[in-house]
Amino acid sequence: MMEPLHLTHSPLPRTLNTIMEATAGKKILVVEDEQDIAQLVQHYLQKEGFRSVTAMSGVEALKKVKEEKPDLIVLDLMLPEMDGLDVCKRVRSAPDTAMIPIIMLTAKAEESDTIVGLELGADDYVTKPFSPKALVARVKALLRRIDRTASTGPAHYRCGALTLDPTRHEVSLNGQEIPLTAKEFGLLEHLLRHRGRVLTREVLLNAVWGYDYYGTTRTVDVHIRRLKQKLPLLEDAILSVKSLGYKLKDTD
């Protein structure tokens, strides 16, 4: 006679516990004028331990950003009163909100619309129709990337007059803080960490975006261009390697 099978509940692996701790309790602002979609996204976020609030228009979104101080914004492109691009622009232009991660939702599949959103400072985008589970996975990946940057690596990275502090998640130039988006910060940190090495666009996507990215590698080019605009000293420091990717010069 076979012995009965005894099932035991093993503790979660340390890595999984770490992931859950890093995202638990984070507040997500969902900006979506279609109530069914907003409620669906909110439901999936709450199932994963996130706190969530919603806004139905661009004007309401800006109000909620100030009132709620979210850890991340899921932002629809097509909104009444003020579209998502304008909301993104205003969030990025205010020093106290400039570094809030933004994932943009859009029903437009054209690359030009995506590029505009990235140019204005969105960290990622999801095209409708989308899987709520996949969206939540991207939210987790973006927040984990920020937390990981803050907890690993040396105390500071330097490039000439530029200093990057992973712990405080700050970048300063000649002592003046320069606001960067989460993806811009992650990209710069990865280039500094691997200074002198050629990093392909695919490697940068995997390292900074933190998941199997199925968009275009043009995303990296957009963020590199934004970094150079915000930090002109990087114009000569970040070198484009034809047909491969980028590297940060290993001397100042």
Protein backbone atom coordinates (compact mmCIF):
# COMPACT_ATOMS: atom_id res chain seq x y z
CA MET A 1 0.00 0.00 0.00
CA MET A 2 1.34 3.38 -0.96
CA GLU A 3 2.22 5.84 1.77
CA PRO A 4 -0.03 8.93 1.80
CA LEU A 5 1.46 11.98 0.16
CA HIS A 6 2.11 14.75 2.65
CA LEU A 7 2.13 18.26 1.24
CA THR A 8 4.12 20.94 2.98
CA HIS A 9 4.11 24.67 2.35
CA SER A 10 7.65 25.84 1.78
CA PRO A 11 8.56 29.47 2.38
CA LEU A 12 8.85 31.63 -0.69
CA PRO A 13 12.33 31.81 -2.21
CA ARG A 14 14.33 34.77 -0.96
CA THR A 15 14.39 36.34 -4.42
CA LEU A 16 10.60 36.16 -4.71
CA ASN A 17 10.16 37.57 -1.22
CA THR A 18 12.50 40.41 -2.15
CA ILE A 19 10.49 41.17 -5.27
CA MET A 20 7.22 41.20 -3.32
CA GLU A 21 8.70 43.42 -0.60
CA ALA A 22 10.05 45.85 -3.19
CA THR A 23 6.63 46.39 -4.78
CA ALA A 24 4.21 45.84 -1.89
CA GLY A 25 2.31 48.94 -0.88
CA LYS A 26 3.53 51.07 -3.78
CA LYS A 27 0.92 53.54 -4.98
CA ILE A 28 -0.02 53.49 -8.67
CA LEU A 29 -2.04 56.24 -10.36
CA VAL A 30 -4.09 54.84 -13.26
CA VAL A 31 -5.15 57.58 -15.68
CA GLU A 32 -7.76 56.14 -18.05
CA ASP A 33 -11.07 57.63 -19.23
CA GLU A 34 -12.64 54.24 -20.03
CA GLN A 35 -14.01 53.17 -16.67
CA ASP A 36 -14.05 49.43 -17.44
CA ILE A 37 -10.37 49.45 -18.38
CA ALA A 38 -9.43 51.58 -15.37
CA GLN A 39 -11.25 49.24 -12.99
CA LEU A 40 -9.72 46.16 -14.60
CA VAL A 41 -6.18 47.53 -14.30
CA GLN A 42 -6.88 48.66 -10.73
CA HIS A 43 -8.18 45.16 -9.86
CA TYR A 44 -5.03 43.43 -11.13
CA LEU A 45 -2.76 45.93 -9.39
CA GLN A 46 -4.54 45.44 -6.07
CA LYS A 47 -4.32 41.66 -6.45
CA GLU A 48 -0.54 42.05 -6.52
CA GLY A 49 -0.46 44.16 -3.36
CA PHE A 50 -0.31 47.62 -4.92
CA ARG A 51 -2.37 50.55 -3.75
CA SER A 52 -4.08 52.29 -6.65
CA VAL A 53 -6.01 55.44 -7.43
CA THR A 54 -7.64 56.48 -10.69
CA ALA A 55 -8.18 59.63 -12.70
CA MET A 56 -10.55 59.96 -15.66
CA SER A 57 -9.11 63.04 -17.36
CA GLY A 58 -5.81 64.83 -17.86
CA VAL A 59 -6.76 67.68 -15.54
CA GLU A 60 -7.81 65.25 -12.80
CA ALA A 61 -4.56 63.32 -13.33
CA LEU A 62 -2.41 66.37 -12.57
CA LYS A 63 -4.48 67.05 -9.46
CA LYS A 64 -4.08 63.45 -8.27
CA VAL A 65 -0.32 63.53 -8.91
CA LYS A 66 0.02 66.44 -6.47
CA GLU A 67 -2.43 65.04 -3.90
CA GLU A 68 -1.52 61.35 -3.96
CA LYS A 69 2.22 61.48 -4.77
CA PRO A 70 2.14 58.14 -6.63
CA ASP A 71 5.18 55.89 -7.01
CA LEU A 72 4.29 55.26 -10.68
CA ILE A 73 1.76 56.51 -13.24
CA VAL A 74 -0.07 54.39 -15.83
CA LEU A 75 -1.11 57.07 -18.31
CA ASP A 76 -3.52 56.74 -21.23
CA LEU A 77 -2.64 58.78 -24.30
CA MET A 78 -6.19 59.71 -25.35
CA LEU A 79 -7.85 61.67 -22.54
CA PRO A 80 -10.52 64.38 -22.31
CA GLU A 81 -9.59 67.98 -21.42
CA MET A 82 -5.85 67.34 -21.71
CA ASP A 83 -4.21 64.42 -23.51
CA GLY A 84 -1.62 62.08 -22.04
CA LEU A 85 1.27 63.73 -23.86
CA ASP A 86 0.51 67.08 -22.21
CA VAL A 87 0.11 65.40 -18.82
CA CYS A 88 3.46 63.67 -19.28
CA LYS A 89 5.11 66.95 -20.27
CA ARG A 90 3.77 68.75 -17.19
CA VAL A 91 4.72 65.95 -14.80
CA ARG A 92 8.26 65.96 -16.19
CA SER A 93 8.58 69.76 -16.03
CA ALA A 94 7.85 70.01 -12.29
CA PRO A 95 10.91 69.26 -10.09
CA ASP A 96 8.89 67.47 -7.40
CA THR A 97 7.27 65.06 -9.89
CA ALA A 98 9.91 64.85 -12.64
CA MET A 99 11.24 61.45 -11.56
CA ILE A 100 7.93 59.60 -11.19
CA PRO A 101 8.03 56.59 -13.56
CA ILE A 102 5.42 56.72 -16.34
CA ILE A 103 4.01 53.86 -18.43
CA MET A 104 1.94 55.18 -21.31
CA LEU A 105 -1.13 53.40 -22.69
CA THR A 106 -2.01 54.05 -26.30
CA ALA A 107 -4.44 52.69 -28.86
CA LYS A 108 -2.18 54.04 -31.58
CA ALA A 109 0.30 51.49 -32.87
CA GLU A 110 2.26 53.89 -35.08
CA GLU A 111 5.91 54.24 -34.09
CA SER A 112 5.72 58.03 -34.32
CA ASP A 113 3.22 58.22 -31.45
CA THR A 114 5.38 55.98 -29.32
CA ILE A 115 8.50 58.04 -30.03
CA VAL A 116 6.71 61.28 -29.10
CA GLY A 117 5.73 59.77 -25.75
CA LEU A 118 9.27 58.59 -25.08
CA GLU A 119 10.69 61.95 -26.15
CA LEU A 120 8.45 63.67 -23.59
CA GLY A 121 9.76 61.42 -20.85
CA ALA A 122 7.58 58.29 -20.68
CA ASP A 123 9.61 55.34 -19.39
CA ASP A 124 7.65 52.64 -21.20
CA TYR A 125 4.53 52.13 -23.29
CA VAL A 126 1.84 49.48 -23.79
CA THR A 127 -0.35 49.36 -26.89
CA LYS A 128 -4.07 48.59 -26.57
CA PRO A 129 -5.50 46.01 -26.46
CA PHE A 130 -3.21 44.72 -23.74
CA SER A 131 -3.06 41.99 -21.12
CA PRO A 132 -3.60 43.39 -17.59
CA LYS A 133 -1.17 40.78 -16.27
CA ALA A 134 1.48 41.91 -18.75
CA LEU A 135 0.92 45.54 -17.73
CA VAL A 136 1.31 44.69 -14.05
CA ALA A 137 4.51 42.79 -14.91
CA ARG A 138 5.89 45.94 -16.52
CA VAL A 139 4.91 48.01 -13.49
CA LYS A 140 6.79 45.57 -11.26
CA ALA A 141 9.82 45.49 -13.54
CA LEU A 142 10.10 49.28 -13.61
CA LEU A 143 9.76 49.64 -9.84
CA ARG A 144 12.23 46.80 -9.20
CA ARG A 145 14.74 48.43 -11.52
CA ILE A 146 14.57 51.64 -9.49
CA ASP A 147 14.91 49.79 -6.17
CA ARG A 148 17.77 47.65 -7.47
CA THR A 149 19.67 50.69 -8.69
CA ALA A 150 19.33 52.26 -5.26
CA SER A 151 20.62 49.19 -3.41
CA THR A 152 23.54 47.92 -5.52
CA GLY A 153 26.81 49.22 -6.83
CA PRO A 154 29.24 51.79 -5.42
CA ALA A 155 28.20 54.85 -3.47
CA HIS A 156 28.74 57.15 -6.46
CA TYR A 157 29.61 57.08 -10.14
CA ARG A 158 31.43 60.01 -11.71
CA CYS A 159 32.03 61.30 -15.21
CA GLY A 160 33.82 64.62 -15.19
CA ALA A 161 31.61 67.12 -13.37
CA LEU A 162 28.71 64.64 -13.37
CA THR A 163 27.91 62.54 -10.29
CA LEU A 164 25.34 59.74 -10.07
CA ASP A 165 24.21 58.60 -6.62
CA PRO A 166 22.41 55.21 -6.86
CA THR A 167 21.32 55.26 -3.22
CA ARG A 168 19.57 58.63 -3.42
CA HIS A 169 18.63 58.11 -7.08
CA GLU A 170 20.09 61.51 -7.96
CA VAL A 171 22.23 62.89 -10.75
CA SER A 172 24.05 66.19 -10.34
CA LEU A 173 26.18 68.32 -12.65
CA ASN A 174 28.59 70.76 -10.99
CA GLY A 175 26.64 70.24 -7.78
CA GLN A 176 23.22 71.02 -9.34
CA GLU A 177 20.68 68.21 -9.40
CA ILE A 178 19.42 67.22 -12.87
CA PRO A 179 15.99 65.49 -12.93
CA LEU A 180 16.00 62.28 -14.98
CA THR A 181 13.24 59.80 -15.66
CA ALA A 182 13.59 56.28 -14.23
CA LYS A 183 14.71 54.85 -17.57
CA GLU A 184 17.15 57.71 -18.25
CA PHE A 185 18.67 57.18 -14.82
CA GLY A 186 18.91 53.41 -15.31
CA LEU A 187 20.48 53.82 -18.73
CA LEU A 188 23.09 56.29 -17.46
CA GLU A 189 23.84 54.11 -14.42
CA HIS A 190 24.39 51.07 -16.66
CA LEU A 191 26.71 52.98 -18.98
CA LEU A 192 28.71 54.28 -16.00
CA ARG A 193 28.89 50.85 -14.40
CA HIS A 194 30.25 49.32 -17.60
CA ARG A 195 32.38 52.25 -18.65
CA GLY A 196 34.59 51.59 -21.67
CA ARG A 197 32.58 48.56 -22.82
CA VAL A 198 30.45 48.48 -25.95
CA LEU A 199 26.86 47.73 -24.96
CA THR A 200 24.45 46.65 -27.67
CA ARG A 201 20.96 48.08 -27.81
CA GLU A 202 19.58 44.64 -26.96
CA VAL A 203 21.80 44.41 -23.86
CA LEU A 204 20.73 47.87 -22.75
CA LEU A 205 17.06 47.06 -23.29
CA ASN A 206 17.34 43.88 -21.24
CA ALA A 207 19.36 45.54 -18.47
CA VAL A 208 17.37 48.76 -18.13
CA TRP A 209 13.85 47.72 -19.10
CA GLY A 210 14.19 44.47 -17.19
CA TYR A 211 12.01 42.13 -19.27
CA ASP A 212 11.83 40.62 -22.74
CA TYR A 213 11.16 43.83 -24.61
CA TYR A 214 9.16 43.35 -27.78
CA GLY A 215 9.19 46.93 -28.96
CA THR A 216 11.83 48.59 -31.12
CA THR A 217 15.47 49.16 -30.23
CA ARG A 218 14.84 52.75 -31.33
CA THR A 219 13.74 53.23 -27.72
CA VAL A 220 17.39 53.18 -26.63
CA ASP A 221 18.33 55.82 -29.21
CA VAL A 222 15.54 58.09 -27.96
CA HIS A 223 16.69 57.83 -24.36
CA ILE A 224 20.35 58.35 -25.27
CA ARG A 225 19.37 61.51 -27.13
CA ARG A 226 17.39 62.73 -24.12
CA LEU A 227 20.36 62.10 -21.82
CA LYS A 228 22.62 64.16 -24.07
CA GLN A 229 20.07 66.99 -24.16
CA LYS A 230 19.81 67.10 -20.37
CA LEU A 231 23.55 66.51 -19.77
CA PRO A 232 25.50 68.14 -22.63
CA LEU A 233 28.85 66.80 -21.37
CA LEU A 234 27.63 63.35 -22.45
CA GLU A 235 27.51 64.50 -26.08
CA ASP A 236 31.16 63.55 -26.51
CA ALA A 237 31.36 61.02 -23.67
CA ILE A 238 28.75 58.58 -25.02
CA LEU A 239 30.00 57.11 -28.27
CA SER A 240 27.78 55.49 -30.88
CA VAL A 241 29.28 52.26 -32.20
CA LYS A 242 27.95 51.68 -35.71
CA SER A 243 25.53 48.75 -36.04
CA LEU A 244 26.09 47.74 -32.42
CA GLY A 245 25.15 50.19 -29.71
CA TYR A 246 26.87 52.61 -27.34
CA LYS A 247 29.72 52.96 -24.90
CA LEU A 248 30.80 55.55 -22.37
CA LYS A 249 34.42 56.60 -22.79
CA ASP A 250 36.62 55.20 -20.04
CA THR A 251 38.50 58.48 -19.54
CA ASP A 252 37.13 61.93 -18.66
